C-alpha cells in the first residue's frame, strides 16, 4: 500500500513570529493590524516598516498560519 504523502503534518517554514523577529517587526502589532482588518500600508506605517514587508508577512500568514507544524505524533 502506498502512503499518501499529502497527509504528512509537518513543514519546513519558519513560524510567523520567527519571520517578524527576523524583520524587526512587532509580532503582536502585526497580528493586531490583521485582527483590525487594516490594509498593508497602514500596518506598515504603524509599525515603522515597509508595505512590502507587511505584504510578505500577510501572505505567509494566509498560506501557513501562525505556526508551522513540525514533527509527527
PDB file of N, CA and C in Angstrom:
ATOM      1  N   UNK A   1       0.842  -1.171   0.000  1.00  0.00           N
ATOM      2  CA  UNK A   1       0.000   0.000   0.000  1.00  0.00           C
ATOM      3  C   UNK A   1       0.892   1.241   0.000  1.00  0.00           C
ATOM      4  N   UNK A   2       0.618   2.190  -0.872  1.00  0.00           N
ATOM      5  CA  UNK A   2       1.423   3.413  -0.899  1.00  0.00           C
ATOM      6  C   UNK A   2       0.863   4.414   0.107  1.00  0.00           C
ATOM      7  N   UNK A   3       1.765   5.118   0.734  1.00  0.00           N
ATOM      8  CA  UNK A   3       1.372   6.106   1.725  1.00  0.00           C
ATOM      9  C   UNK A   3       1.067   7.431   1.030  1.00  0.00           C
ATOM     10  N   UNK A   4      -0.009   8.083   1.422  1.00  0.00           N
ATOM     11  CA  UNK A   4      -0.397   9.373   0.855  1.00  0.00           C
ATOM     12  C   UNK A   4       0.452  10.463   1.505  1.00  0.00           C
ATOM     13  N   UNK A   5       1.478  10.952   0.789  1.00  0.00           N
ATOM     14  CA  UNK A   5       2.397  11.928   1.376  1.00  0.00           C
ATOM     15  C   UNK A   5       1.752  13.283   1.612  1.00  0.00           C
ATOM     16  N   UNK A   6       0.604  13.550   1.019  1.00  0.00           N
ATOM     17  CA  UNK A   6      -0.056  14.831   1.240  1.00  0.00           C
ATOM     18  C   UNK A   6      -0.619  14.945   2.654  1.00  0.00           C
ATOM     19  N   UNK A   7      -0.655  13.848   3.381  1.00  0.00           N
ATOM     20  CA  UNK A   7      -1.194  13.863   4.730  1.00  0.00           C
ATOM     21  C   UNK A   7      -0.114  14.038   5.792  1.00  0.00           C
ATOM     22  N   UNK A   8       1.125  14.163   5.416  1.00  0.00           N
ATOM     23  CA  UNK A   8       2.209  14.316   6.384  1.00  0.00           C
ATOM     24  C   UNK A   8       2.084  15.690   7.049  1.00  0.00           C
ATOM     25  N   UNK A   9       1.903  15.732   8.381  1.00  0.00           N
ATOM     26  CA  UNK A   9       1.630  17.002   9.066  1.00  0.00           C
ATOM     27  C   UNK A   9       2.878  17.746   9.531  1.00  0.00           C
ATOM     28  N   UNK A  10       3.768  18.067   8.649  1.00  0.00           N
ATOM     29  CA  UNK A  10       4.927  18.852   9.057  1.00  0.00           C
ATOM     30  C   UNK A  10       5.336  19.785   7.933  1.00  0.00           C
ATOM     31  N   UNK A  11       6.066  20.799   8.290  1.00  0.00           N
ATOM     32  CA  UNK A  11       6.520  21.761   7.306  1.00  0.00           C
ATOM     33  C   UNK A  11       7.868  22.318   7.699  1.00  0.00           C
ATOM     34  N   UNK A  12       8.524  22.906   6.746  1.00  0.00           N
ATOM     35  CA  UNK A  12       9.852  23.464   6.986  1.00  0.00           C
ATOM     36  C   UNK A  12       9.834  24.995   7.044  1.00  0.00           C
ATOM     37  N   UNK A  13       8.658  25.579   7.069  1.00  0.00           N
ATOM     38  CA  UNK A  13       8.557  27.035   7.075  1.00  0.00           C
ATOM     39  C   UNK A  13       8.731  27.572   8.494  1.00  0.00           C
ATOM     40  N   UNK A  14       9.431  28.687   8.640  1.00  0.00           N
ATOM     41  CA  UNK A  14       9.551  29.287   9.973  1.00  0.00           C
ATOM     42  C   UNK A  14       8.185  29.812  10.419  1.00  0.00           C
ATOM     43  N   UNK A  15       8.018  29.937  11.705  1.00  0.00           N
ATOM     44  CA  UNK A  15       6.758  30.468  12.223  1.00  0.00           C
ATOM     45  C   UNK A  15       6.651  31.954  11.863  1.00  0.00           C
ATOM     46  N   UNK A  16       5.449  32.455  11.943  1.00  0.00           N
ATOM     47  CA  UNK A  16       5.219  33.875  11.667  1.00  0.00           C
ATOM     48  C   UNK A  16       5.968  34.740  12.680  1.00  0.00           C
ATOM     49  N   UNK A  17       6.015  34.283  13.909  1.00  0.00           N
ATOM     50  CA  UNK A  17       6.746  35.034  14.940  1.00  0.00           C
ATOM     51  C   UNK A  17       8.240  35.099  14.604  1.00  0.00           C
ATOM     52  N   UNK A  18       8.804  33.989  14.126  1.00  0.00           N
ATOM     53  CA  UNK A  18      10.205  33.995  13.709  1.00  0.00           C
ATOM     54  C   UNK A  18      10.434  34.974  12.569  1.00  0.00           C
ATOM     55  N   UNK A  19       9.513  34.995  11.614  1.00  0.00           N
ATOM     56  CA  UNK A  19       9.651  35.896  10.466  1.00  0.00           C
ATOM     57  C   UNK A  19       9.572  37.360  10.892  1.00  0.00           C
ATOM     58  N   UNK A  20       8.644  37.697  11.780  1.00  0.00           N
ATOM     59  CA  UNK A  20       8.558  39.085  12.237  1.00  0.00           C
ATOM     60  C   UNK A  20       9.814  39.469  13.017  1.00  0.00           C
ATOM     61  N   UNK A  21      10.306  38.559  13.850  1.00  0.00           N
ATOM     62  CA  UNK A  21      11.526  38.839  14.609  1.00  0.00           C
ATOM     63  C   UNK A  21      12.707  39.088  13.681  1.00  0.00           C
ATOM     64  N   UNK A  22      12.826  38.284  12.628  1.00  0.00           N
ATOM     65  CA  UNK A  22      13.925  38.459  11.667  1.00  0.00           C
ATOM     66  C   UNK A  22      13.872  39.825  11.005  1.00  0.00           C
ATOM     67  N   UNK A  23      12.658  40.329  10.785  1.00  0.00           N
ATOM     68  CA  UNK A  23      12.490  41.626  10.125  1.00  0.00           C
ATOM     69  C   UNK A  23      12.463  42.799  11.104  1.00  0.00           C
ATOM     70  N   UNK A  24      12.505  42.506  12.404  1.00  0.00           N
ATOM     71  CA  UNK A  24      12.458  43.564  13.414  1.00  0.00           C
ATOM     72  C   UNK A  24      11.090  44.211  13.529  1.00  0.00           C
ATOM     73  N   UNK A  25      10.039  43.421  13.269  1.00  0.00           N
ATOM     74  CA  UNK A  25       8.664  43.913  13.310  1.00  0.00           C
ATOM     75  C   UNK A  25       7.968  43.327  14.525  1.00  0.00           C
ATOM     76  N   UNK A  26       7.216  44.168  15.221  1.00  0.00           N
ATOM     77  CA  UNK A  26       6.481  43.735  16.407  1.00  0.00           C
ATOM     78  C   UNK A  26       5.399  42.732  16.019  1.00  0.00           C
ATOM     79  N   UNK A  27       5.551  41.494  16.475  1.00  0.00           N
ATOM     80  CA  UNK A  27       4.613  40.423  16.144  1.00  0.00           C
ATOM     81  C   UNK A  27       3.197  40.762  16.601  1.00  0.00           C
ATOM     82  N   UNK A  28       3.060  41.176  17.854  1.00  0.00           N
ATOM     83  CA  UNK A  28       1.729  41.475  18.393  1.00  0.00           C
ATOM     84  C   UNK A  28       1.070  42.631  17.645  1.00  0.00           C
ATOM     85  N   UNK A  29       1.858  43.621  17.268  1.00  0.00           N
ATOM     86  CA  UNK A  29       1.329  44.743  16.493  1.00  0.00           C
ATOM     87  C   UNK A  29       0.857  44.302  15.118  1.00  0.00           C
ATOM     88  N   UNK A  30       1.614  43.402  14.508  1.00  0.00           N
ATOM     89  CA  UNK A  30       1.224  42.882  13.199  1.00  0.00           C
ATOM     90  C   UNK A  30      -0.092  42.113  13.302  1.00  0.00           C
ATOM     91  N   UNK A  31      -0.199  41.229  14.281  1.00  0.00           N
ATOM     92  CA  UNK A  31      -1.424  40.447  14.478  1.00  0.00           C
ATOM     93  C   UNK A  31      -2.600  41.370  14.781  1.00  0.00           C
ATOM     94  N   UNK A  32      -2.372  42.386  15.562  1.00  0.00           N
ATOM     95  CA  UNK A  32      -3.428  43.352  15.880  1.00  0.00           C
ATOM     96  C   UNK A  32      -3.919  44.056  14.609  1.00  0.00           C
ATOM     97  N   UNK A  33      -2.982  44.407  13.722  1.00  0.00           N
ATOM     98  CA  UNK A  33      -3.360  45.019  12.451  1.00  0.00           C
ATOM     99  C   UNK A  33      -4.216  44.094  11.609  1.00  0.00           C
ATOM    100  N   UNK A  34      -3.849  42.811  11.564  1.00  0.00           N
ATOM    101  CA  UNK A  34      -4.664  41.835  10.835  1.00  0.00           C
ATOM    102  C   UNK A  34      -6.047  41.711  11.472  1.00  0.00           C
ATOM    103  N   UNK A  35      -6.063  41.632  12.787  1.00  0.00           N
ATOM    104  CA  UNK A  35      -7.325  41.496  13.522  1.00  0.00           C
ATOM    105  C   UNK A  35      -8.265  42.665  13.228  1.00  0.00           C
ATOM    106  N   UNK A  36      -7.689  43.854  13.120  1.00  0.00           N
ATOM    107  CA  UNK A  36      -8.483  45.063  12.870  1.00  0.00           C
ATOM    108  C   UNK A  36      -8.741  45.305  11.396  1.00  0.00           C
ATOM    109  N   UNK A  37      -8.338  44.333  10.567  1.00  0.00           N
ATOM    110  CA  UNK A  37      -8.568  44.389   9.121  1.00  0.00           C
ATOM    111  C   UNK A  37      -7.960  45.644   8.473  1.00  0.00           C
ATOM    112  N   UNK A  38      -6.775  46.039   8.959  1.00  0.00           N
ATOM    113  CA  UNK A  38      -6.089  47.191   8.383  1.00  0.00           C
ATOM    114  C   UNK A  38      -5.395  46.773   7.096  1.00  0.00           C
ATOM    115  N   UNK A  39      -5.249  47.717   6.170  1.00  0.00           N
ATOM    116  CA  UNK A  39      -4.527  47.377   4.938  1.00  0.00           C
ATOM    117  C   UNK A  39      -3.025  47.391   5.209  1.00  0.00           C
ATOM    118  N   UNK A  40      -2.283  46.807   4.284  1.00  0.00           N
ATOM    119  CA  UNK A  40      -0.837  46.629   4.479  1.00  0.00           C
ATOM    120  C   UNK A  40      -0.102  47.947   4.665  1.00  0.00           C
ATOM    121  N   UNK A  41      -0.502  48.972   3.930  1.00  0.00           N
ATOM    122  CA  UNK A  41       0.193  50.254   4.047  1.00  0.00           C
ATOM    123  C   UNK A  41      -0.014  50.873   5.433  1.00  0.00           C
ATOM    124  N   UNK A  42      -1.203  50.734   5.982  1.00  0.00           N
ATOM    125  CA  UNK A  42      -1.454  51.288   7.321  1.00  0.00           C
ATOM    126  C   UNK A  42      -0.687  50.512   8.386  1.00  0.00           C
ATOM    127  N   UNK A  43      -0.687  49.183   8.293  1.00  0.00           N
ATOM    128  CA  UNK A  43       0.081  48.378   9.252  1.00  0.00           C
ATOM    129  C   UNK A  43       1.553  48.758   9.161  1.00  0.00           C
ATOM    130  N   UNK A  44       2.058  48.902   7.950  1.00  0.00           N
ATOM    131  CA  UNK A  44       3.469  49.273   7.752  1.00  0.00           C
ATOM    132  C   UNK A  44       3.775  50.615   8.408  1.00  0.00           C
ATOM    133  N   UNK A  45       2.916  51.603   8.200  1.00  0.00           N
ATOM    134  CA  UNK A  45       3.125  52.920   8.821  1.00  0.00           C
ATOM    135  C   UNK A  45       3.138  52.814  10.333  1.00  0.00           C
ATOM    136  N   UNK A  46       2.170  52.084  10.872  1.00  0.00           N
ATOM    137  CA  UNK A  46       2.062  51.979  12.329  1.00  0.00           C
ATOM    138  C   UNK A  46       3.237  51.222  12.951  1.00  0.00           C
ATOM    139  N   UNK A  47       3.822  50.289  12.192  1.00  0.00           N
ATOM    140  CA  UNK A  47       4.933  49.500  12.728  1.00  0.00           C
ATOM    141  C   UNK A  47       6.299  49.996  12.263  1.00  0.00           C
ATOM    142  N   UNK A  48       6.312  51.055  11.461  1.00  0.00           N
ATOM    143  CA  UNK A  48       7.575  51.643  11.025  1.00  0.00           C
ATOM    144  C   UNK A  48       8.375  50.753  10.094  1.00  0.00           C
ATOM    145  N   UNK A  49       7.696  50.113   9.160  1.00  0.00           N
ATOM    146  CA  UNK A  49       8.362  49.239   8.208  1.00  0.00           C
ATOM    147  C   UNK A  49       7.797  49.482   6.814  1.00  0.00           C
ATOM    148  N   UNK A  50       8.198  48.654   5.879  1.00  0.00           N
ATOM    149  CA  UNK A  50       7.734  48.822   4.502  1.00  0.00           C
ATOM    150  C   UNK A  50       6.450  48.033   4.249  1.00  0.00           C
ATOM    151  N   UNK A  51       5.694  48.520   3.296  1.00  0.00           N
ATOM    152  CA  UNK A  51       4.483  47.806   2.893  1.00  0.00           C
ATOM    153  C   UNK A  51       4.847  46.436   2.310  1.00  0.00           C
ATOM    154  N   UNK A  52       5.974  46.366   1.611  1.00  0.00           N
ATOM    155  CA  UNK A  52       6.420  45.094   1.033  1.00  0.00           C
ATOM    156  C   UNK A  52       6.637  44.038   2.123  1.00  0.00           C
ATOM    157  N   UNK A  53       7.224  44.439   3.242  1.00  0.00           N
ATOM    158  CA  UNK A  53       7.455  43.504   4.351  1.00  0.00           C
ATOM    159  C   UNK A  53       6.131  43.015   4.917  1.00  0.00           C
ATOM    160  N   UNK A  54       5.187  43.921   5.095  1.00  0.00           N
ATOM    161  CA  UNK A  54       3.882  43.544   5.651  1.00  0.00           C
ATOM    162  C   UNK A  54       3.129  42.644   4.681  1.00  0.00           C
ATOM    163  N   UNK A  55       3.188  42.951   3.395  1.00  0.00           N
ATOM    164  CA  UNK A  55       2.527  42.116   2.387  1.00  0.00           C
ATOM    165  C   UNK A  55       3.095  40.698   2.420  1.00  0.00           C
ATOM    166  N   UNK A  56       4.407  40.589   2.561  1.00  0.00           N
ATOM    167  CA  UNK A  56       5.046  39.276   2.635  1.00  0.00           C
ATOM    168  C   UNK A  56       4.600  38.513   3.879  1.00  0.00           C
ATOM    169  N   UNK A  57       4.533  39.205   5.006  1.00  0.00           N
ATOM    170  CA  UNK A  57       4.089  38.565   6.249  1.00  0.00           C
ATOM    171  C   UNK A  57       2.623  38.146   6.163  1.00  0.00           C
ATOM    172  N   UNK A  58       1.789  38.989   5.559  1.00  0.00           N
ATOM    173  CA  UNK A  58       0.373  38.649   5.404  1.00  0.00           C
ATOM    174  C   UNK A  58       0.223  37.386   4.541  1.00  0.00           C
ATOM    175  N   UNK A  59       0.990  37.330   3.458  1.00  0.00           N
ATOM    176  CA  UNK A  59       0.941  36.163   2.572  1.00  0.00           C
ATOM    177  C   UNK A  59       1.347  34.905   3.346  1.00  0.00           C
ATOM    178  N   UNK A  60       2.410  35.009   4.127  1.00  0.00           N
ATOM    179  CA  UNK A  60       2.854  33.873   4.950  1.00  0.00           C
ATOM    180  C   UNK A  60       1.728  33.439   5.895  1.00  0.00           C
ATOM    181  N   UNK A  61       1.096  34.400   6.547  1.00  0.00           N
ATOM    182  CA  UNK A  61       0.006  34.103   7.476  1.00  0.00           C
ATOM    183  C   UNK A  61      -1.144  33.397   6.765  1.00  0.00           C
ATOM    184  N   UNK A  62      -1.512  33.899   5.599  1.00  0.00           N
ATOM    185  CA  UNK A  62      -2.634  33.315   4.862  1.00  0.00           C
ATOM    186  C   UNK A  62      -2.326  31.913   4.342  1.00  0.00           C
ATOM    187  N   UNK A  63      -1.075  31.645   3.995  1.00  0.00           N
ATOM    188  CA  UNK A  63      -0.700  30.340   3.469  1.00  0.00           C
ATOM    189  C   UNK A  63      -0.369  29.319   4.550  1.00  0.00           C
ATOM    190  N   UNK A  64       0.297  29.759   5.621  1.00  0.00           N
ATOM    191  CA  UNK A  64       0.820  28.813   6.603  1.00  0.00           C
ATOM    192  C   UNK A  64       0.296  29.015   8.021  1.00  0.00           C
ATOM    193  N   UNK A  65      -0.403  30.094   8.272  1.00  0.00           N
ATOM    194  CA  UNK A  65      -0.886  30.369   9.619  1.00  0.00           C
ATOM    195  C   UNK A  65       0.211  30.968  10.488  1.00  0.00           C
ATOM    196  N   UNK A  66       0.013  30.893  11.773  1.00  0.00           N
ATOM    197  CA  UNK A  66       0.967  31.481  12.707  1.00  0.00           C
ATOM    198  C   UNK A  66       2.153  30.567  12.956  1.00  0.00           C
ATOM    199  N   UNK A  67       1.893  29.293  13.109  1.00  0.00           N
ATOM    200  CA  UNK A  67       2.953  28.339  13.452  1.00  0.00           C
ATOM    201  C   UNK A  67       2.897  27.143  12.520  1.00  0.00           C
ATOM    202  N   UNK A  68       4.003  26.810  11.903  1.00  0.00           N
ATOM    203  CA  UNK A  68       4.083  25.594  11.100  1.00  0.00           C
ATOM    204  C   UNK A  68       4.158  24.398  12.037  1.00  0.00           C
ATOM    205  N   UNK A  69       3.614  23.288  11.610  1.00  0.00           N
ATOM    206  CA  UNK A  69       3.676  22.057  12.396  1.00  0.00           C
ATOM    207  C   UNK A  69       4.960  21.345  12.031  1.00  0.00           C
ATOM    208  N   UNK A  70       5.747  20.991  13.030  1.00  0.00           N
ATOM    209  CA  UNK A  70       6.980  20.255  12.812  1.00  0.00           C
ATOM    210  C   UNK A  70       6.894  18.949  13.577  1.00  0.00           C
ATOM    211  N   UNK A  71       7.161  17.843  12.898  1.00  0.00           N
ATOM    212  CA  UNK A  71       7.128  16.541  13.550  1.00  0.00           C
ATOM    213  C   UNK A  71       5.804  15.832  13.377  1.00  0.00           C
ATOM    214  N   UNK A  72       5.715  14.690  13.972  1.00  0.00           N
ATOM    215  CA  UNK A  72       4.508  13.874  13.850  1.00  0.00           C
ATOM    216  C   UNK A  72       4.367  12.995  15.089  1.00  0.00           C
ATOM    217  N   UNK A  73       3.183  12.941  15.624  1.00  0.00           N
ATOM    218  CA  UNK A  73       2.939  12.089  16.808  1.00  0.00           C
ATOM    219  C   UNK A  73       2.698  10.679  16.404  1.00  0.00           C
TER     220      UNK A  73
END
